[in-house]
Amino acid sequence: QVQLVESGGGSVQPGGSLRLSCAASGNSFRPIVMGWYRQNPGLQRELVAIVDRAGVTTSADSVKGRFTISRDNAKNTVYLQMNNLKPEDTAVYYCHAQRILSYWGQGTQVTVSS
């Protein structure tokens, strides 16, 4: 059974930084793509950033220049470094991993407020 365990969410003031981590485990799972999505109540889940095993990344225009995604294939772990956070970044952030099937983490709250 594949599990994604997230950590690193929390509350921060505008302009601050947070780092999210997500470790995938189970059944010799080696995801091709790992990444982060976010969602606010009543809205669709949206892509934040994804990275493949070769390190090729895709990110939303709204986070380019502020967020950096990276991964450690040996640890099956993906990271999201979030700098210069804005109130509009407030959301529940979900880790995602996919090889053939798609898996989601339980979500971690990020709140940006003064």
PDB file of N, CA and C in Angstrom:
ATOM      1  N   GLN A   1       0.848  -1.190   0.000  1.00  0.00           N
ATOM      2  CA  GLN A   1       0.000   0.000   0.000  1.00  0.00           C
ATOM      3  C   GLN A   1       0.885   1.241   0.000  1.00  0.00           C
ATOM      4  N   VAL A   2       0.621   2.155  -0.905  1.00  0.00           N
ATOM      5  CA  VAL A   2       1.418   3.368  -1.026  1.00  0.00           C
ATOM      6  C   VAL A   2       0.893   4.434  -0.069  1.00  0.00           C
ATOM      7  N   GLN A   3       1.809   5.084   0.613  1.00  0.00           N
ATOM      8  CA  GLN A   3       1.446   6.189   1.495  1.00  0.00           C
ATOM      9  C   GLN A   3       2.302   7.410   1.180  1.00  0.00           C
ATOM     10  N   LEU A   4       1.683   8.573   1.251  1.00  0.00           N
ATOM     11  CA  LEU A   4       2.393   9.838   1.109  1.00  0.00           C
ATOM     12  C   LEU A   4       2.248  10.588   2.423  1.00  0.00           C
ATOM     13  N   VAL A   5       3.370  10.905   3.037  1.00  0.00           N
ATOM     14  CA  VAL A   5       3.360  11.576   4.337  1.00  0.00           C
ATOM     15  C   VAL A   5       3.949  12.974   4.169  1.00  0.00           C
ATOM     16  N   GLU A   6       3.121  13.973   4.430  1.00  0.00           N
ATOM     17  CA  GLU A   6       3.510  15.369   4.256  1.00  0.00           C
ATOM     18  C   GLU A   6       3.912  15.989   5.587  1.00  0.00           C
ATOM     19  N   SER A   7       4.765  17.001   5.502  1.00  0.00           N
ATOM     20  CA  SER A   7       5.129  17.781   6.684  1.00  0.00           C
ATOM     21  C   SER A   7       5.558  19.179   6.249  1.00  0.00           C
ATOM     22  N   GLY A   8       5.533  20.111   7.207  1.00  0.00           N
ATOM     23  CA  GLY A   8       6.094  21.434   6.957  1.00  0.00           C
ATOM     24  C   GLY A   8       5.104  22.559   6.805  1.00  0.00           C
ATOM     25  N   GLY A   9       3.819  22.303   6.852  1.00  0.00           N
ATOM     26  CA  GLY A   9       2.858  23.397   6.749  1.00  0.00           C
ATOM     27  C   GLY A   9       2.849  24.239   8.007  1.00  0.00           C
ATOM     28  N   GLY A  10       2.061  25.313   7.978  1.00  0.00           N
ATOM     29  CA  GLY A  10       1.957  26.169   9.141  1.00  0.00           C
ATOM     30  C   GLY A  10       1.494  27.555   8.783  1.00  0.00           C
ATOM     31  N   SER A  11       1.684  28.472   9.724  1.00  0.00           N
ATOM     32  CA  SER A  11       1.280  29.863   9.540  1.00  0.00           C
ATOM     33  C   SER A  11       2.507  30.751   9.442  1.00  0.00           C
ATOM     34  N   VAL A  12       2.436  31.736   8.572  1.00  0.00           N
ATOM     35  CA  VAL A  12       3.566  32.637   8.369  1.00  0.00           C
ATOM     36  C   VAL A  12       3.038  33.994   7.924  1.00  0.00           C
ATOM     37  N   GLN A  13       3.806  35.018   8.184  1.00  0.00           N
ATOM     38  CA  GLN A  13       3.436  36.354   7.737  1.00  0.00           C
ATOM     39  C   GLN A  13       3.790  36.540   6.269  1.00  0.00           C
ATOM     40  N   PRO A  14       3.124  37.473   5.600  1.00  0.00           N
ATOM     41  CA  PRO A  14       3.478  37.761   4.207  1.00  0.00           C
ATOM     42  C   PRO A  14       4.963  38.075   4.068  1.00  0.00           C
ATOM     43  N   GLY A  15       5.559  37.514   3.026  1.00  0.00           N
ATOM     44  CA  GLY A  15       6.994  37.668   2.816  1.00  0.00           C
ATOM     45  C   GLY A  15       7.826  36.581   3.447  1.00  0.00           C
ATOM     46  N   GLY A  16       7.194  35.755   4.255  1.00  0.00           N
ATOM     47  CA  GLY A  16       7.912  34.683   4.926  1.00  0.00           C
ATOM     48  C   GLY A  16       8.106  33.458   4.042  1.00  0.00           C
ATOM     49  N   SER A  17       8.708  32.420   4.633  1.00  0.00           N
ATOM     50  CA  SER A  17       9.037  31.201   3.906  1.00  0.00           C
ATOM     51  C   SER A  17       8.576  29.965   4.672  1.00  0.00           C
ATOM     52  N   LEU A  18       8.267  28.940   3.923  1.00  0.00           N
ATOM     53  CA  LEU A  18       7.978  27.617   4.466  1.00  0.00           C
ATOM     54  C   LEU A  18       8.546  26.580   3.516  1.00  0.00           C
ATOM     55  N   ARG A  19       8.833  25.393   4.062  1.00  0.00           N
ATOM     56  CA  ARG A  19       9.298  24.287   3.229  1.00  0.00           C
ATOM     57  C   ARG A  19       8.434  23.074   3.505  1.00  0.00           C
ATOM     58  N   LEU A  20       7.806  22.561   2.471  1.00  0.00           N
ATOM     59  CA  LEU A  20       6.992  21.351   2.572  1.00  0.00           C
ATOM     60  C   LEU A  20       7.814  20.151   2.120  1.00  0.00           C
ATOM     61  N   SER A  21       7.569  19.020   2.780  1.00  0.00           N
ATOM     62  CA  SER A  21       8.195  17.766   2.399  1.00  0.00           C
ATOM     63  C   SER A  21       7.128  16.695   2.267  1.00  0.00           C
ATOM     64  N   CYS A  22       7.379  15.735   1.385  1.00  0.00           N
ATOM     65  CA  CYS A  22       6.447  14.626   1.208  1.00  0.00           C
ATOM     66  C   CYS A  22       7.254  13.386   0.860  1.00  0.00           C
ATOM     67  N   ALA A  23       7.107  12.357   1.701  1.00  0.00           N
ATOM     68  CA  ALA A  23       7.811  11.098   1.494  1.00  0.00           C
ATOM     69  C   ALA A  23       6.823  10.022   1.063  1.00  0.00           C
ATOM     70  N   ALA A  24       7.150   9.337  -0.013  1.00  0.00           N
ATOM     71  CA  ALA A  24       6.314   8.243  -0.522  1.00  0.00           C
ATOM     72  C   ALA A  24       6.914   6.912  -0.101  1.00  0.00           C
ATOM     73  N   SER A  25       6.051   6.009   0.339  1.00  0.00           N
ATOM     74  CA  SER A  25       6.536   4.700   0.770  1.00  0.00           C
ATOM     75  C   SER A  25       5.535   3.614   0.394  1.00  0.00           C
ATOM     76  N   GLY A  26       6.064   2.343   0.333  1.00  0.00           N
ATOM     77  CA  GLY A  26       5.179   1.218   0.122  1.00  0.00           C
ATOM     78  C   GLY A  26       5.349   0.515  -1.198  1.00  0.00           C
ATOM     79  N   ASN A  27       5.404  -0.836  -1.139  1.00  0.00           N
ATOM     80  CA  ASN A  27       5.346  -1.685  -2.330  1.00  0.00           C
ATOM     81  C   ASN A  27       6.382  -1.333  -3.398  1.00  0.00           C
ATOM     82  N   SER A  28       7.584  -0.961  -2.959  1.00  0.00           N
ATOM     83  CA  SER A  28       8.661  -0.621  -3.901  1.00  0.00           C
ATOM     84  C   SER A  28       8.215   0.457  -4.883  1.00  0.00           C
ATOM     85  N   PHE A  29       7.417   1.376  -4.398  1.00  0.00           N
ATOM     86  CA  PHE A  29       6.862   2.436  -5.236  1.00  0.00           C
ATOM     87  C   PHE A  29       7.948   3.387  -5.686  1.00  0.00           C
ATOM     88  N   ARG A  30       8.065   3.586  -6.994  1.00  0.00           N
ATOM     89  CA  ARG A  30       9.017   4.518  -7.561  1.00  0.00           C
ATOM     90  C   ARG A  30       8.262   5.459  -8.502  1.00  0.00           C
ATOM     91  N   PRO A  31       7.730   6.543  -7.953  1.00  0.00           N
ATOM     92  CA  PRO A  31       6.891   7.419  -8.773  1.00  0.00           C
ATOM     93  C   PRO A  31       7.666   8.093  -9.898  1.00  0.00           C
ATOM     94  N   ILE A  32       6.996   8.272 -11.025  1.00  0.00           N
ATOM     95  CA  ILE A  32       7.586   8.994 -12.145  1.00  0.00           C
ATOM     96  C   ILE A  32       7.468  10.488 -11.899  1.00  0.00           C
ATOM     97  N   VAL A  33       6.290  10.912 -11.489  1.00  0.00           N
ATOM     98  CA  VAL A  33       6.038  12.328 -11.240  1.00  0.00           C
ATOM     99  C   VAL A  33       5.627  12.509  -9.777  1.00  0.00           C
ATOM    100  N   MET A  34       6.184  13.507  -9.147  1.00  0.00           N
ATOM    101  CA  MET A  34       5.775  13.917  -7.802  1.00  0.00           C
ATOM    102  C   MET A  34       5.544  15.419  -7.820  1.00  0.00           C
ATOM    103  N   GLY A  35       4.661  15.855  -6.945  1.00  0.00           N
ATOM    104  CA  GLY A  35       4.426  17.296  -6.947  1.00  0.00           C
ATOM    105  C   GLY A  35       3.439  17.744  -5.904  1.00  0.00           C
ATOM    106  N   TRP A  36       3.033  18.991  -6.052  1.00  0.00           N
ATOM    107  CA  TRP A  36       2.158  19.647  -5.080  1.00  0.00           C
ATOM    108  C   TRP A  36       1.004  20.340  -5.792  1.00  0.00           C
ATOM    109  N   TYR A  37      -0.164  20.195  -5.208  1.00  0.00           N
ATOM    110  CA  TYR A  37      -1.362  20.902  -5.610  1.00  0.00           C
ATOM    111  C   TYR A  37      -1.899  21.616  -4.378  1.00  0.00           C
ATOM    112  N   ARG A  38      -2.789  22.584  -4.588  1.00  0.00           N
ATOM    113  CA  ARG A  38      -3.416  23.266  -3.449  1.00  0.00           C
ATOM    114  C   ARG A  38      -4.890  23.501  -3.727  1.00  0.00           C
ATOM    115  N   GLN A  39      -5.612  23.675  -2.633  1.00  0.00           N
ATOM    116  CA  GLN A  39      -7.065  23.823  -2.751  1.00  0.00           C
ATOM    117  C   GLN A  39      -7.605  24.649  -1.612  1.00  0.00           C
ATOM    118  N   ASN A  40      -8.546  25.524  -1.948  1.00  0.00           N
ATOM    119  CA  ASN A  40      -9.307  26.278  -0.968  1.00  0.00           C
ATOM    120  C   ASN A  40     -10.760  25.813  -1.010  1.00  0.00           C
ATOM    121  N   PRO A  41     -11.499  26.006   0.071  1.00  0.00           N
ATOM    122  CA  PRO A  41     -12.893  25.533   0.118  1.00  0.00           C
ATOM    123  C   PRO A  41     -13.723  26.077  -1.035  1.00  0.00           C
ATOM    124  N   GLY A  42     -14.454  25.174  -1.689  1.00  0.00           N
ATOM    125  CA  GLY A  42     -15.334  25.585  -2.765  1.00  0.00           C
ATOM    126  C   GLY A  42     -14.658  25.778  -4.107  1.00  0.00           C
ATOM    127  N   LEU A  43     -13.354  25.605  -4.135  1.00  0.00           N
ATOM    128  CA  LEU A  43     -12.605  25.801  -5.372  1.00  0.00           C
ATOM    129  C   LEU A  43     -11.956  24.499  -5.808  1.00  0.00           C
ATOM    130  N   GLN A  44     -11.585  24.445  -7.102  1.00  0.00           N
ATOM    131  CA  GLN A  44     -10.923  23.261  -7.615  1.00  0.00           C
ATOM    132  C   GLN A  44      -9.479  23.177  -7.127  1.00  0.00           C
ATOM    133  N   ARG A  45      -9.003  21.959  -7.013  1.00  0.00           N
ATOM    134  CA  ARG A  45      -7.602  21.749  -6.683  1.00  0.00           C
ATOM    135  C   ARG A  45      -6.760  22.199  -7.874  1.00  0.00           C
ATOM    136  N   GLU A  46      -5.699  22.952  -7.575  1.00  0.00           N
ATOM    137  CA  GLU A  46      -4.893  23.493  -8.672  1.00  0.00           C
ATOM    138  C   GLU A  46      -3.440  23.078  -8.546  1.00  0.00           C
ATOM    139  N   LEU A  47      -2.788  22.974  -9.691  1.00  0.00           N
ATOM    140  CA  LEU A  47      -1.378  22.625  -9.728  1.00  0.00           C
ATOM    141  C   LEU A  47      -0.539  23.740  -9.130  1.00  0.00           C
ATOM    142  N   VAL A  48       0.406  23.360  -8.293  1.00  0.00           N
ATOM    143  CA  VAL A  48       1.420  24.305  -7.823  1.00  0.00           C
ATOM    144  C   VAL A  48       2.712  24.039  -8.582  1.00  0.00           C
ATOM    145  N   ALA A  49       3.233  22.822  -8.446  1.00  0.00           N
ATOM    146  CA  ALA A  49       4.464  22.452  -9.143  1.00  0.00           C
ATOM    147  C   ALA A  49       4.622  20.946  -9.137  1.00  0.00           C
ATOM    148  N   ILE A  50       5.208  20.413 -10.211  1.00  0.00           N
ATOM    149  CA  ILE A  50       5.513  18.993 -10.295  1.00  0.00           C
ATOM    150  C   ILE A  50       6.922  18.814 -10.831  1.00  0.00           C
ATOM    151  N   VAL A  51       7.488  17.632 -10.542  1.00  0.00           N
ATOM    152  CA  VAL A  51       8.840  17.319 -11.005  1.00  0.00           C
ATOM    153  C   VAL A  51       8.908  15.845 -11.358  1.00  0.00           C
ATOM    154  N   ASP A  52       9.586  15.517 -12.462  1.00  0.00           N
ATOM    155  CA  ASP A  52       9.721  14.109 -12.821  1.00  0.00           C
ATOM    156  C   ASP A  52      11.059  13.558 -12.316  1.00  0.00           C
ATOM    157  N   ARG A  53      11.327  12.295 -12.603  1.00  0.00           N
ATOM    158  CA  ARG A  53      12.515  11.655 -12.045  1.00  0.00           C
ATOM    159  C   ARG A  53      13.805  12.254 -12.602  1.00  0.00           C
ATOM    160  N   ALA A  54      13.707  12.873 -13.768  1.00  0.00           N
ATOM    161  CA  ALA A  54      14.893  13.512 -14.367  1.00  0.00           C
ATOM    162  C   ALA A  54      15.114  14.925 -13.844  1.00  0.00           C
ATOM    163  N   GLY A  55      14.179  15.400 -13.039  1.00  0.00           N
ATOM    164  CA  GLY A  55      14.317  16.746 -12.479  1.00  0.00           C
ATOM    165  C   GLY A  55      13.663  17.842 -13.303  1.00  0.00           C
ATOM    166  N   VAL A  56      12.911  17.450 -14.320  1.00  0.00           N
ATOM    167  CA  VAL A  56      12.207  18.447 -15.137  1.00  0.00           C
ATOM    168  C   VAL A  56      10.976  18.922 -14.359  1.00  0.00           C
ATOM    169  N   THR A  57      10.819  20.227 -14.259  1.00  0.00           N
ATOM    170  CA  THR A  57       9.753  20.798 -13.438  1.00  0.00           C
ATOM    171  C   THR A  57       8.741  21.570 -14.263  1.00  0.00           C
ATOM    172  N   THR A  58       7.540  21.641 -13.721  1.00  0.00           N
ATOM    173  CA  THR A  58       6.475  22.489 -14.242  1.00  0.00           C
ATOM    174  C   THR A  58       5.853  23.183 -13.048  1.00  0.00           C
ATOM    175  N   SER A  59       5.614  24.497 -13.171  1.00  0.00           N
ATOM    176  CA  SER A  59       5.010  25.201 -12.044  1.00  0.00           C
ATOM    177  C   SER A  59       3.992  26.214 -12.539  1.00  0.00           C
ATOM    178  N   ALA A  60       3.081  26.559 -11.651  1.00  0.00           N
ATOM    179  CA  ALA A  60       2.063  27.554 -11.968  1.00  0.00           C
ATOM    180  C   ALA A  60       2.711  28.926 -12.115  1.00  0.00           C
ATOM    181  N   ASP A  61       2.158  29.727 -13.004  1.00  0.00           N
ATOM    182  CA  ASP A  61       2.705  31.078 -13.209  1.00  0.00           C
ATOM    183  C   ASP A  61       2.686  31.888 -11.912  1.00  0.00           C
ATOM    184  N   SER A  62       1.685  31.640 -11.082  1.00  0.00           N
ATOM    185  CA  SER A  62       1.516  32.434  -9.860  1.00  0.00           C
ATOM    186  C   SER A  62       2.627  32.201  -8.829  1.00  0.00           C
ATOM    187  N   VAL A  63       3.376  31.105  -8.982  1.00  0.00           N
ATOM    188  CA  VAL A  63       4.418  30.807  -7.992  1.00  0.00           C
ATOM    189  C   VAL A  63       5.823  30.865  -8.574  1.00  0.00           C
ATOM    190  N   LYS A  64       5.930  31.075  -9.878  1.00  0.00           N
ATOM    191  CA  LYS A  64       7.260  31.124 -10.504  1.00  0.00           C
ATOM    192  C   LYS A  64       8.086  32.266  -9.918  1.00  0.00           C
ATOM    193  N   GLY A  65       9.345  31.951  -9.624  1.00  0.00           N
ATOM    194  CA  GLY A  65      10.225  32.937  -9.018  1.00  0.00           C
ATOM    195  C   GLY A  65      10.127  32.989  -7.506  1.00  0.00           C
ATOM    196  N   ARG A  66       9.136  32.312  -6.935  1.00  0.00           N
ATOM    197  CA  ARG A  66       8.974  32.302  -5.473  1.00  0.00           C
ATOM    198  C   ARG A  66       9.070  30.895  -4.893  1.00  0.00           C
ATOM    199  N   PHE A  67       8.514  29.916  -5.577  1.00  0.00           N
ATOM    200  CA  PHE A  67       8.503  28.525  -5.103  1.00  0.00           C
ATOM    201  C   PHE A  67       9.488  27.697  -5.920  1.00  0.00           C
ATOM    202  N   THR A  68      10.163  26.771  -5.243  1.00  0.00           N
ATOM    203  CA  THR A  68      11.077  25.863  -5.919  1.00  0.00           C
ATOM    204  C   THR A  68      10.750  24.431  -5.516  1.00  0.00           C
ATOM    205  N   ILE A  69      10.542  23.580  -6.516  1.00  0.00           N
ATOM    206  CA  ILE A  69      10.273  22.175  -6.242  1.00  0.00           C
ATOM    207  C   ILE A  69      11.533  21.366  -6.527  1.00  0.00           C
ATOM    208  N   SER A  70      11.770  20.354  -5.704  1.00  0.00           N
ATOM    209  CA  SER A  70      12.914  19.467  -5.904  1.00  0.00           C
ATOM    210  C   SER A  70      12.541  18.091  -5.367  1.00  0.00           C
ATOM    211  N   ARG A  71      13.353  17.094  -5.710  1.00  0.00           N
ATOM    212  CA  ARG A  71      13.070  15.756  -5.222  1.00  0.00           C
ATOM    213  C   ARG A  71      14.368  14.985  -5.028  1.00  0.00           C
ATOM    214  N   ASP A  72      14.275  14.018  -4.121  1.00  0.00           N
ATOM    215  CA  ASP A  72      15.370  13.090  -3.856  1.00  0.00           C
ATOM    216  C   ASP A  72      14.846  11.703  -4.230  1.00  0.00           C
ATOM    217  N   ASN A  73      15.270  11.204  -5.379  1.00  0.00           N
ATOM    218  CA  ASN A  73      14.743   9.912  -5.854  1.00  0.00           C
ATOM    219  C   ASN A  73      15.112   8.766  -4.922  1.00  0.00           C
ATOM    220  N   ALA A  74      16.287   8.828  -4.336  1.00  0.00           N
ATOM    221  CA  ALA A  74      16.716   7.752  -3.436  1.00  0.00           C
ATOM    222  C   ALA A  74      15.816   7.670  -2.216  1.00  0.00           C
ATOM    223  N   LYS A  75      15.266   8.801  -1.806  1.00  0.00           N
ATOM    224  CA  LYS A  75      14.392   8.846  -0.624  1.00  0.00           C
ATOM    225  C   LYS A  75      12.915   8.907  -0.998  1.00  0.00           C
ATOM    226  N   ASN A  76      12.617   8.904  -2.302  1.00  0.00           N
ATOM    227  CA  ASN A  76      11.218   9.013  -2.741  1.00  0.00           C
ATOM    228  C   ASN A  76      10.529  10.210  -2.090  1.00  0.00           C
ATOM    229  N   THR A  77      11.256  11.315  -2.026  1.00  0.00           N
ATOM    230  CA  THR A  77      10.760  12.494  -1.316  1.00  0.00           C
ATOM    231  C   THR A  77      10.777  13.708  -2.238  1.00  0.00           C
ATOM    232  N   VAL A  78       9.711  14.501  -2.141  1.00  0.00           N
ATOM    233  CA  VAL A  78       9.623  15.746  -2.895  1.00  0.00           C
ATOM    234  C   VAL A  78       9.516  16.902  -1.915  1.00  0.00           C
ATOM    235  N   TYR A  79      10.128  18.014  -2.285  1.00  0.00           N
ATOM    236  CA  TYR A  79      10.158  19.205  -1.435  1.00  0.00           C
ATOM    237  C   TYR A  79       9.570  20.397  -2.188  1.00  0.00           C
ATOM    238  N   LEU A  80       9.005  21.314  -1.430  1.00  0.00           N
ATOM    239  CA  LEU A  80       8.547  22.575  -2.012  1.00  0.00           C
ATOM    240  C   LEU A  80       9.035  23.704  -1.114  1.00  0.00           C
ATOM    241  N   GLN A  81      10.010  24.436  -1.600  1.00  0.00           N
ATOM    242  CA  GLN A  81      10.496  25.614  -0.879  1.00  0.00           C
ATOM    243  C   GLN A  81       9.672  26.812  -1.321  1.00  0.00           C
ATOM    244  N   MET A  82       8.996  27.429  -0.377  1.00  0.00           N
ATOM    245  CA  MET A  82       8.099  28.534  -0.680  1.00  0.00           C
ATOM    246  C   MET A  82       8.646  29.805  -0.036  1.00  0.00           C
ATOM    247  N   ASN A  83       9.041  30.754  -0.871  1.00  0.00           N
ATOM    248  CA  ASN A  83       9.572  32.029  -0.395  1.00  0.00           C
ATOM    249  C   ASN A  83       8.639  33.168  -0.788  1.00  0.00           C
ATOM    250  N   ASN A  84       8.799  34.295  -0.109  1.00  0.00           N
ATOM    251  CA  ASN A  84       7.983  35.481  -0.398  1.00  0.00           C
ATOM    252  C   ASN A  84       6.496  35.117  -0.468  1.00  0.00           C
ATOM    253  N   LEU A  85       6.044  34.431   0.547  1.00  0.00           N
ATOM    254  CA  LEU A  85       4.658  33.970   0.560  1.00  0.00           C
ATOM    255  C   LEU A  85       3.692  35.141   0.620  1.00  0.00           C
ATOM    256  N   LYS A  86       2.553  34.951  -0.051  1.00  0.00           N
ATOM    257  CA  LYS A  86       1.515  35.971  -0.127  1.00  0.00           C
ATOM    258  C   LYS A  86       0.222  35.423   0.475  1.00  0.00           C
ATOM    259  N   PRO A  87      -0.676  36.301   0.917  1.00  0.00           N
ATOM    260  CA  PRO A  87      -1.946  35.813   1.475  1.00  0.00           C
ATOM    261  C   PRO A  87      -2.700  34.895   0.505  1.00  0.00           C
ATOM    262  N   GLU A  88      -2.573  35.152  -0.792  1.00  0.00           N
ATOM    263  CA  GLU A  88      -3.282  34.311  -1.768  1.00  0.00           C
ATOM    264  C   GLU A  88      -2.678  32.913  -1.904  1.00  0.00           C
ATOM    265  N   ASP A  89      -1.554  32.666  -1.257  1.00  0.00           N
ATOM    266  CA  ASP A  89      -0.988  31.316  -1.223  1.00  0.00           C
ATOM    267  C   ASP A  89      -1.643  30.450  -0.143  1.00  0.00           C
ATOM    268  N   THR A  90      -2.467  31.074   0.687  1.00  0.00           N
ATOM    269  CA  THR A  90      -3.159  30.312   1.729  1.00  0.00           C
ATOM    270  C   THR A  90      -4.030  29.230   1.112  1.00  0.00           C
ATOM    271  N   ALA A  91      -3.852  27.994   1.577  1.00  0.00           N
ATOM    272  CA  ALA A  91      -4.595  26.850   1.035  1.00  0.00           C
ATOM    273  C   ALA A  91      -4.169  25.594   1.775  1.00  0.00           C
ATOM    274  N   VAL A  92      -4.875  24.506   1.498  1.00  0.00           N
ATOM    275  CA  VAL A  92      -4.394  23.186   1.889  1.00  0.00           C
ATOM    276  C   VAL A  92      -3.553  22.668   0.731  1.00  0.00           C
ATOM    277  N   TYR A  93      -2.339  22.279   1.036  1.00  0.00           N
ATOM    278  CA  TYR A  93      -1.410  21.793   0.021  1.00  0.00           C
ATOM    279  C   TYR A  93      -1.376  20.264   0.066  1.00  0.00           C
ATOM    280  N   TYR A  94      -1.547  19.662  -1.101  1.00  0.00           N
ATOM    281  CA  TYR A  94      -1.593  18.214  -1.215  1.00  0.00           C
ATOM    282  C   TYR A  94      -0.408  17.700  -2.025  1.00  0.00           C
ATOM    283  N   CYS A  95       0.233  16.693  -1.497  1.00  0.00           N
ATOM    284  CA  CYS A  95       1.288  16.004  -2.223  1.00  0.00           C
ATOM    285  C   CYS A  95       0.651  15.004  -3.192  1.00  0.00           C
ATOM    286  N   HIS A  96       1.264  14.861  -4.348  1.00  0.00           N
ATOM    287  CA  HIS A  96       0.775  13.941  -5.362  1.00  0.00           C
ATOM    288  C   HIS A  96       1.947  13.141  -5.921  1.00  0.00           C
ATOM    289  N   ALA A  97       1.701  11.856  -6.166  1.00  0.00           N
ATOM    290  CA  ALA A  97       2.727  11.002  -6.768  1.00  0.00           C
ATOM    291  C   ALA A  97       2.053  10.043  -7.741  1.00  0.00           C
ATOM    292  N   GLN A  98       2.720   9.802  -8.851  1.00  0.00           N
ATOM    293  CA  GLN A  98       2.111   8.957  -9.871  1.00  0.00           C
ATOM    294  C   GLN A  98       3.153   8.139 -10.587  1.00  0.00           C
ATOM    295  N   ARG A  99       2.816   6.852 -10.793  1.00  0.00           N
ATOM    296  CA  ARG A  99       3.562   6.028 -11.713  1.00  0.00           C
ATOM    297  C   ARG A  99       2.550   5.497 -12.741  1.00  0.00           C
ATOM    298  N   ILE A 100       1.826   4.468 -12.383  1.00  0.00           N
ATOM    299  CA  ILE A 100       0.669   4.058 -13.190  1.00  0.00           C
ATOM    300  C   ILE A 100      -0.589   4.613 -12.528  1.00  0.00           C
ATOM    301  N   LEU A 101      -0.697   4.337 -11.243  1.00  0.00           N
ATOM    302  CA  LEU A 101      -1.792   4.896 -10.458  1.00  0.00           C
ATOM    303  C   LEU A 101      -1.377   6.221  -9.838  1.00  0.00           C
ATOM    304  N   SER A 102      -2.376   6.948  -9.367  1.00  0.00           N
ATOM    305  CA  SER A 102      -2.166   8.267  -8.786  1.00  0.00           C
ATOM    306  C   SER A 102      -2.473   8.215  -7.296  1.00  0.00           C
ATOM    307  N   TYR A 103      -1.635   8.853  -6.497  1.00  0.00           N
ATOM    308  CA  TYR A 103      -1.804   8.851  -5.045  1.00  0.00           C
ATOM    309  C   TYR A 103      -1.735  10.271  -4.510  1.00  0.00           C
ATOM    310  N   TRP A 104      -2.467  10.496  -3.411  1.00  0.00           N
ATOM    311  CA  TRP A 104      -2.515  11.808  -2.778  1.00  0.00           C
ATOM    312  C   TRP A 104      -2.188  11.710  -1.299  1.00  0.00           C
ATOM    313  N   GLY A 105      -1.550  12.753  -0.772  1.00  0.00           N
ATOM    314  CA  GLY A 105      -1.341  12.870   0.654  1.00  0.00           C
ATOM    315  C   GLY A 105      -2.592  13.390   1.333  1.00  0.00           C
ATOM    316  N   GLN A 106      -2.507  13.519   2.657  1.00  0.00           N
ATOM    317  CA  GLN A 106      -3.680  13.916   3.428  1.00  0.00           C
ATOM    318  C   GLN A 106      -3.881  15.430   3.429  1.00  0.00           C
ATOM    319  N   GLY A 107      -2.895  16.168   3.000  1.00  0.00           N
ATOM    320  CA  GLY A 107      -2.985  17.627   2.940  1.00  0.00           C
ATOM    321  C   GLY A 107      -2.374  18.287   4.154  1.00  0.00           C
ATOM    322  N   THR A 108      -1.768  19.439   3.940  1.00  0.00           N
ATOM    323  CA  THR A 108      -1.199  20.221   5.029  1.00  0.00           C
ATOM    324  C   THR A 108      -1.577  21.689   4.823  1.00  0.00           C
ATOM    325  N   GLN A 109      -2.020  22.327   5.892  1.00  0.00           N
ATOM    326  CA  GLN A 109      -2.509  23.704   5.796  1.00  0.00           C
ATOM    327  C   GLN A 109      -1.345  24.690   5.758  1.00  0.00           C
ATOM    328  N   VAL A 110      -1.414  25.623   4.831  1.00  0.00           N
ATOM    329  CA  VAL A 110      -0.495  26.757   4.769  1.00  0.00           C
ATOM    330  C   VAL A 110      -1.341  28.026   4.880  1.00  0.00           C
ATOM    331  N   THR A 111      -1.035  28.835   5.862  1.00  0.00           N
ATOM    332  CA  THR A 111      -1.771  30.077   6.085  1.00  0.00           C
ATOM    333  C   THR A 111      -0.793  31.242   6.075  1.00  0.00           C
ATOM    334  N   VAL A 112      -1.070  32.224   5.221  1.00  0.00           N
ATOM    335  CA  VAL A 112      -0.230  33.407   5.116  1.00  0.00           C
ATOM    336  C   VAL A 112      -1.080  34.611   5.520  1.00  0.00           C
ATOM    337  N   SER A 113      -0.748  35.185   6.657  1.00  0.00           N
ATOM    338  CA  SER A 113      -1.576  36.258   7.186  1.00  0.00           C
ATOM    339  C   SER A 113      -0.752  37.135   8.110  1.00  0.00           C
ATOM    340  N   SER A 114      -1.086  38.419   8.107  1.00  0.00           N
ATOM    341  CA  SER A 114      -0.424  39.330   9.036  1.00  0.00           C
ATOM    342  C   SER A 114      -1.244  39.472  10.312  1.00  0.00           C
TER     343      SER A 114
END
